[in-house]
Amino acid sequence: MSPAARHASTIRIIGNITLVAGLLVSVITLSDDLGSAEPYILAGFLVVTGIGLRIEAAVSSPRA
């Protein structure tokens, strides 16, 4: 495996982790009825970061 492919794979995995973390934060917050917006802002930030990392991995991955 080339270093570029390994780098893209690592970025893709980190992107997946941040996507899952953002979705978990939003699901856990749904059960909490305090009306606070901060957890949703954090969840949105994590999801946007995860999507950005996935796009970066797709763009920077070596072509076969």
PDB file of N, CA and C in Angstrom:
ATOM      1  N   MET A   1       0.857  -1.166   0.000  1.00  0.00           N
ATOM      2  CA  MET A   1       0.000   0.000   0.000  1.00  0.00           C
ATOM      3  C   MET A   1       0.907   1.234   0.000  1.00  0.00           C
ATOM      4  N   SER A   2       0.643   2.151  -0.884  1.00  0.00           N
ATOM      5  CA  SER A   2       1.457   3.359  -0.994  1.00  0.00           C
ATOM      6  C   SER A   2       1.137   4.321   0.157  1.00  0.00           C
ATOM      7  N   PRO A   3       2.070   5.222   0.454  1.00  0.00           N
ATOM      8  CA  PRO A   3       1.812   6.188   1.530  1.00  0.00           C
ATOM      9  C   PRO A   3       0.598   7.085   1.253  1.00  0.00           C
ATOM     10  N   ALA A   4       0.376   7.439  -0.010  1.00  0.00           N
ATOM     11  CA  ALA A   4      -0.786   8.277  -0.335  1.00  0.00           C
ATOM     12  C   ALA A   4      -2.089   7.521  -0.076  1.00  0.00           C
ATOM     13  N   ALA A   5      -2.132   6.257  -0.418  1.00  0.00           N
ATOM     14  CA  ALA A   5      -3.331   5.456  -0.181  1.00  0.00           C
ATOM     15  C   ALA A   5      -3.550   5.242   1.313  1.00  0.00           C
ATOM     16  N   ARG A   6      -2.470   5.054   2.042  1.00  0.00           N
ATOM     17  CA  ARG A   6      -2.586   4.874   3.494  1.00  0.00           C
ATOM     18  C   ARG A   6      -3.093   6.154   4.151  1.00  0.00           C
ATOM     19  N   HIS A   7      -2.602   7.304   3.671  1.00  0.00           N
ATOM     20  CA  HIS A   7      -3.036   8.594   4.202  1.00  0.00           C
ATOM     21  C   HIS A   7      -4.528   8.810   3.933  1.00  0.00           C
ATOM     22  N   ALA A   8      -4.968   8.519   2.727  1.00  0.00           N
ATOM     23  CA  ALA A   8      -6.384   8.676   2.378  1.00  0.00           C
ATOM     24  C   ALA A   8      -7.261   7.740   3.201  1.00  0.00           C
ATOM     25  N   SER A   9      -6.771   6.533   3.442  1.00  0.00           N
ATOM     26  CA  SER A   9      -7.530   5.576   4.240  1.00  0.00           C
ATOM     27  C   SER A   9      -7.662   6.052   5.686  1.00  0.00           C
ATOM     28  N   THR A  10      -6.593   6.614   6.228  1.00  0.00           N
ATOM     29  CA  THR A  10      -6.630   7.127   7.591  1.00  0.00           C
ATOM     30  C   THR A  10      -7.597   8.299   7.701  1.00  0.00           C
ATOM     31  N   ILE A  11      -7.563   9.202   6.736  1.00  0.00           N
ATOM     32  CA  ILE A  11      -8.478  10.346   6.749  1.00  0.00           C
ATOM     33  C   ILE A  11      -9.922   9.861   6.636  1.00  0.00           C
ATOM     34  N   ARG A  12     -10.164   8.864   5.803  1.00  0.00           N
ATOM     35  CA  ARG A  12     -11.523   8.332   5.633  1.00  0.00           C
ATOM     36  C   ARG A  12     -12.025   7.721   6.948  1.00  0.00           C
ATOM     37  N   ILE A  13     -11.169   7.010   7.658  1.00  0.00           N
ATOM     38  CA  ILE A  13     -11.568   6.394   8.932  1.00  0.00           C
ATOM     39  C   ILE A  13     -11.884   7.468   9.966  1.00  0.00           C
ATOM     40  N   ILE A  14     -11.047   8.504  10.049  1.00  0.00           N
ATOM     41  CA  ILE A  14     -11.299   9.593  10.997  1.00  0.00           C
ATOM     42  C   ILE A  14     -12.591  10.315  10.637  1.00  0.00           C
ATOM     43  N   GLY A  15     -12.851  10.485   9.349  1.00  0.00           N
ATOM     44  CA  GLY A  15     -14.109  11.091   8.918  1.00  0.00           C
ATOM     45  C   GLY A  15     -15.312  10.264   9.339  1.00  0.00           C
ATOM     46  N   ASN A  16     -15.204   8.947   9.200  1.00  0.00           N
ATOM     47  CA  ASN A  16     -16.296   8.069   9.639  1.00  0.00           C
ATOM     48  C   ASN A  16     -16.531   8.185  11.138  1.00  0.00           C
ATOM     49  N   ILE A  17     -15.442   8.246  11.897  1.00  0.00           N
ATOM     50  CA  ILE A  17     -15.567   8.341  13.356  1.00  0.00           C
ATOM     51  C   ILE A  17     -16.246   9.645  13.759  1.00  0.00           C
ATOM     52  N   THR A  18     -15.867  10.755  13.118  1.00  0.00           N
ATOM     53  CA  THR A  18     -16.503  12.022  13.477  1.00  0.00           C
ATOM     54  C   THR A  18     -17.971  12.065  13.047  1.00  0.00           C
ATOM     55  N   LEU A  19     -18.292  11.446  11.920  1.00  0.00           N
ATOM     56  CA  LEU A  19     -19.700  11.363  11.517  1.00  0.00           C
ATOM     57  C   LEU A  19     -20.521  10.585  12.541  1.00  0.00           C
ATOM     58  N   VAL A  20     -20.016   9.449  12.951  1.00  0.00           N
ATOM     59  CA  VAL A  20     -20.731   8.624  13.931  1.00  0.00           C
ATOM     60  C   VAL A  20     -20.840   9.359  15.259  1.00  0.00           C
ATOM     61  N   ALA A  21     -19.772  10.034  15.675  1.00  0.00           N
ATOM     62  CA  ALA A  21     -19.814  10.779  16.936  1.00  0.00           C
ATOM     63  C   ALA A  21     -20.856  11.888  16.880  1.00  0.00           C
ATOM     64  N   GLY A  22     -20.921  12.609  15.767  1.00  0.00           N
ATOM     65  CA  GLY A  22     -21.916  13.664  15.626  1.00  0.00           C
ATOM     66  C   GLY A  22     -23.336  13.127  15.657  1.00  0.00           C
ATOM     67  N   LEU A  23     -23.556  12.023  14.976  1.00  0.00           N
ATOM     68  CA  LEU A  23     -24.896  11.429  14.983  1.00  0.00           C
ATOM     69  C   LEU A  23     -25.259  10.894  16.365  1.00  0.00           C
ATOM     70  N   LEU A  24     -24.283  10.317  17.079  1.00  0.00           N
ATOM     71  CA  LEU A  24     -24.553   9.840  18.441  1.00  0.00           C
ATOM     72  C   LEU A  24     -24.873  10.992  19.379  1.00  0.00           C
ATOM     73  N   VAL A  25     -24.148  12.092  19.253  1.00  0.00           N
ATOM     74  CA  VAL A  25     -24.437  13.257  20.099  1.00  0.00           C
ATOM     75  C   VAL A  25     -25.852  13.748  19.850  1.00  0.00           C
ATOM     76  N   SER A  26     -26.264  13.805  18.597  1.00  0.00           N
ATOM     77  CA  SER A  26     -27.621  14.287  18.312  1.00  0.00           C
ATOM     78  C   SER A  26     -28.688  13.313  18.810  1.00  0.00           C
ATOM     79  N   VAL A  27     -28.454  12.021  18.677  1.00  0.00           N
ATOM     80  CA  VAL A  27     -29.434  11.028  19.152  1.00  0.00           C
ATOM     81  C   VAL A  27     -29.524  11.043  20.671  1.00  0.00           C
ATOM     82  N   ILE A  28     -28.382  11.134  21.346  1.00  0.00           N
ATOM     83  CA  ILE A  28     -28.395  11.173  22.814  1.00  0.00           C
ATOM     84  C   ILE A  28     -29.076  12.444  23.298  1.00  0.00           C
ATOM     85  N   THR A  29     -28.874  13.540  22.608  1.00  0.00           N
ATOM     86  CA  THR A  29     -29.463  14.813  23.010  1.00  0.00           C
ATOM     87  C   THR A  29     -30.972  14.828  22.796  1.00  0.00           C
ATOM     88  N   LEU A  30     -31.471  14.028  21.855  1.00  0.00           N
ATOM     89  CA  LEU A  30     -32.916  13.983  21.634  1.00  0.00           C
ATOM     90  C   LEU A  30     -33.669  13.524  22.872  1.00  0.00           C
ATOM     91  N   SER A  31     -33.055  12.647  23.667  1.00  0.00           N
ATOM     92  CA  SER A  31     -33.727  12.149  24.859  1.00  0.00           C
ATOM     93  C   SER A  31     -33.679  13.156  26.001  1.00  0.00           C
ATOM     94  N   ASP A  32     -32.775  14.140  25.914  1.00  0.00           N
ATOM     95  CA  ASP A  32     -32.655  15.174  26.935  1.00  0.00           C
ATOM     96  C   ASP A  32     -33.586  16.322  26.578  1.00  0.00           C
ATOM     97  N   ASP A  33     -34.418  16.736  27.504  1.00  0.00           N
ATOM     98  CA  ASP A  33     -35.441  17.745  27.208  1.00  0.00           C
ATOM     99  C   ASP A  33     -35.145  19.082  27.892  1.00  0.00           C
ATOM    100  N   LEU A  34     -33.887  19.546  27.817  1.00  0.00           N
ATOM    101  CA  LEU A  34     -33.543  20.810  28.446  1.00  0.00           C
ATOM    102  C   LEU A  34     -33.695  21.986  27.495  1.00  0.00           C
ATOM    103  N   GLY A  35     -33.762  21.746  26.195  1.00  0.00           N
ATOM    104  CA  GLY A  35     -33.946  22.822  25.247  1.00  0.00           C
ATOM    105  C   GLY A  35     -32.670  23.573  24.931  1.00  0.00           C
ATOM    106  N   SER A  36     -31.539  23.019  25.252  1.00  0.00           N
ATOM    107  CA  SER A  36     -30.261  23.674  25.011  1.00  0.00           C
ATOM    108  C   SER A  36     -29.788  23.389  23.583  1.00  0.00           C
ATOM    109  N   ALA A  37     -29.219  24.392  22.931  1.00  0.00           N
ATOM    110  CA  ALA A  37     -28.799  24.246  21.533  1.00  0.00           C
ATOM    111  C   ALA A  37     -27.343  23.829  21.407  1.00  0.00           C
ATOM    112  N   GLU A  38     -26.542  23.924  22.465  1.00  0.00           N
ATOM    113  CA  GLU A  38     -25.119  23.649  22.364  1.00  0.00           C
ATOM    114  C   GLU A  38     -24.794  22.230  21.890  1.00  0.00           C
ATOM    115  N   PRO A  39     -25.468  21.199  22.373  1.00  0.00           N
ATOM    116  CA  PRO A  39     -25.146  19.851  21.870  1.00  0.00           C
ATOM    117  C   PRO A  39     -25.427  19.694  20.383  1.00  0.00           C
ATOM    118  N   TYR A  40     -26.464  20.363  19.894  1.00  0.00           N
ATOM    119  CA  TYR A  40     -26.772  20.271  18.469  1.00  0.00           C
ATOM    120  C   TYR A  40     -25.742  21.015  17.627  1.00  0.00           C
ATOM    121  N   ILE A  41     -25.208  22.102  18.163  1.00  0.00           N
ATOM    122  CA  ILE A  41     -24.133  22.813  17.464  1.00  0.00           C
ATOM    123  C   ILE A  41     -22.901  21.922  17.386  1.00  0.00           C
ATOM    124  N   LEU A  42     -22.571  21.256  18.488  1.00  0.00           N
ATOM    125  CA  LEU A  42     -21.441  20.323  18.503  1.00  0.00           C
ATOM    126  C   LEU A  42     -21.674  19.182  17.519  1.00  0.00           C
ATOM    127  N   ALA A  43     -22.869  18.627  17.507  1.00  0.00           N
ATOM    128  CA  ALA A  43     -23.181  17.538  16.586  1.00  0.00           C
ATOM    129  C   ALA A  43     -23.071  17.992  15.142  1.00  0.00           C
ATOM    130  N   GLY A  44     -23.573  19.166  14.848  1.00  0.00           N
ATOM    131  CA  GLY A  44     -23.462  19.704  13.492  1.00  0.00           C
ATOM    132  C   GLY A  44     -22.019  19.930  13.090  1.00  0.00           C
ATOM    133  N   PHE A  45     -21.218  20.447  14.005  1.00  0.00           N
ATOM    134  CA  PHE A  45     -19.801  20.662  13.724  1.00  0.00           C
ATOM    135  C   PHE A  45     -19.095  19.339  13.444  1.00  0.00           C
ATOM    136  N   LEU A  46     -19.397  18.316  14.233  1.00  0.00           N
ATOM    137  CA  LEU A  46     -18.778  17.010  14.017  1.00  0.00           C
ATOM    138  C   LEU A  46     -19.192  16.399  12.675  1.00  0.00           C
ATOM    139  N   VAL A  47     -20.449  16.519  12.326  1.00  0.00           N
ATOM    140  CA  VAL A  47     -20.930  15.961  11.066  1.00  0.00           C
ATOM    141  C   VAL A  47     -20.310  16.692   9.877  1.00  0.00           C
ATOM    142  N   VAL A  48     -20.250  18.015   9.937  1.00  0.00           N
ATOM    143  CA  VAL A  48     -19.652  18.782   8.847  1.00  0.00           C
ATOM    144  C   VAL A  48     -18.163  18.455   8.716  1.00  0.00           C
ATOM    145  N   THR A  49     -17.475  18.316   9.839  1.00  0.00           N
ATOM    146  CA  THR A  49     -16.060  17.950   9.808  1.00  0.00           C
ATOM    147  C   THR A  49     -15.873  16.555   9.213  1.00  0.00           C
ATOM    148  N   GLY A  50     -16.720  15.615   9.597  1.00  0.00           N
ATOM    149  CA  GLY A  50     -16.633  14.263   9.050  1.00  0.00           C
ATOM    150  C   GLY A  50     -16.871  14.225   7.552  1.00  0.00           C
ATOM    151  N   ILE A  51     -17.845  14.987   7.093  1.00  0.00           N
ATOM    152  CA  ILE A  51     -18.113  15.042   5.651  1.00  0.00           C
ATOM    153  C   ILE A  51     -16.931  15.663   4.917  1.00  0.00           C
ATOM    154  N   GLY A  52     -16.368  16.720   5.491  1.00  0.00           N
ATOM    155  CA  GLY A  52     -15.204  17.357   4.877  1.00  0.00           C
ATOM    156  C   GLY A  52     -14.010  16.412   4.790  1.00  0.00           C
ATOM    157  N   LEU A  53     -13.781  15.649   5.830  1.00  0.00           N
ATOM    158  CA  LEU A  53     -12.675  14.688   5.809  1.00  0.00           C
ATOM    159  C   LEU A  53     -12.915  13.590   4.778  1.00  0.00           C
ATOM    160  N   ARG A  54     -14.153  13.147   4.667  1.00  0.00           N
ATOM    161  CA  ARG A  54     -14.459  12.128   3.653  1.00  0.00           C
ATOM    162  C   ARG A  54     -14.249  12.672   2.243  1.00  0.00           C
ATOM    163  N   ILE A  55     -14.624  13.919   2.012  1.00  0.00           N
ATOM    164  CA  ILE A  55     -14.404  14.523   0.694  1.00  0.00           C
ATOM    165  C   ILE A  55     -12.905  14.669   0.427  1.00  0.00           C
ATOM    166  N   GLU A  56     -12.152  15.100   1.442  1.00  0.00           N
ATOM    167  CA  GLU A  56     -10.715  15.234   1.270  1.00  0.00           C
ATOM    168  C   GLU A  56     -10.076  13.875   0.957  1.00  0.00           C
ATOM    169  N   ALA A  57     -10.530  12.821   1.613  1.00  0.00           N
ATOM    170  CA  ALA A  57      -9.976  11.491   1.331  1.00  0.00           C
ATOM    171  C   ALA A  57     -10.309  11.051  -0.080  1.00  0.00           C
ATOM    172  N   ALA A  58     -11.502  11.375  -0.540  1.00  0.00           N
ATOM    173  CA  ALA A  58     -11.892  10.986  -1.893  1.00  0.00           C
ATOM    174  C   ALA A  58     -11.078  11.741  -2.944  1.00  0.00           C
ATOM    175  N   VAL A  59     -10.803  13.008  -2.692  1.00  0.00           N
ATOM    176  CA  VAL A  59     -10.057  13.820  -3.639  1.00  0.00           C
ATOM    177  C   VAL A  59      -8.575  13.434  -3.660  1.00  0.00           C
ATOM    178  N   SER A  60      -8.024  13.148  -2.483  1.00  0.00           N
ATOM    179  CA  SER A  60      -6.582  12.893  -2.392  1.00  0.00           C
ATOM    180  C   SER A  60      -6.202  11.432  -2.596  1.00  0.00           C
ATOM    181  N   SER A  61      -7.174  10.539  -2.703  1.00  0.00           N
ATOM    182  CA  SER A  61      -6.833   9.123  -2.898  1.00  0.00           C
ATOM    183  C   SER A  61      -6.248   8.909  -4.280  1.00  0.00           C
ATOM    184  N   PRO A  62      -5.233   8.035  -4.368  1.00  0.00           N
ATOM    185  CA  PRO A  62      -4.630   7.765  -5.677  1.00  0.00           C
ATOM    186  C   PRO A  62      -5.606   7.024  -6.577  1.00  0.00           C
ATOM    187  N   ARG A  63      -5.543   7.352  -7.840  1.00  0.00           N
ATOM    188  CA  ARG A  63      -6.425   6.703  -8.822  1.00  0.00           C
ATOM    189  C   ARG A  63      -5.830   5.364  -9.226  1.00  0.00           C
ATOM    190  N   ALA A  64      -6.689   4.393  -9.418  1.00  0.00           N
ATOM    191  CA  ALA A  64      -6.227   3.057  -9.808  1.00  0.00           C
ATOM    192  C   ALA A  64      -6.131   2.917 -11.305  1.00  0.00           C
TER     193      ALA A  64
END
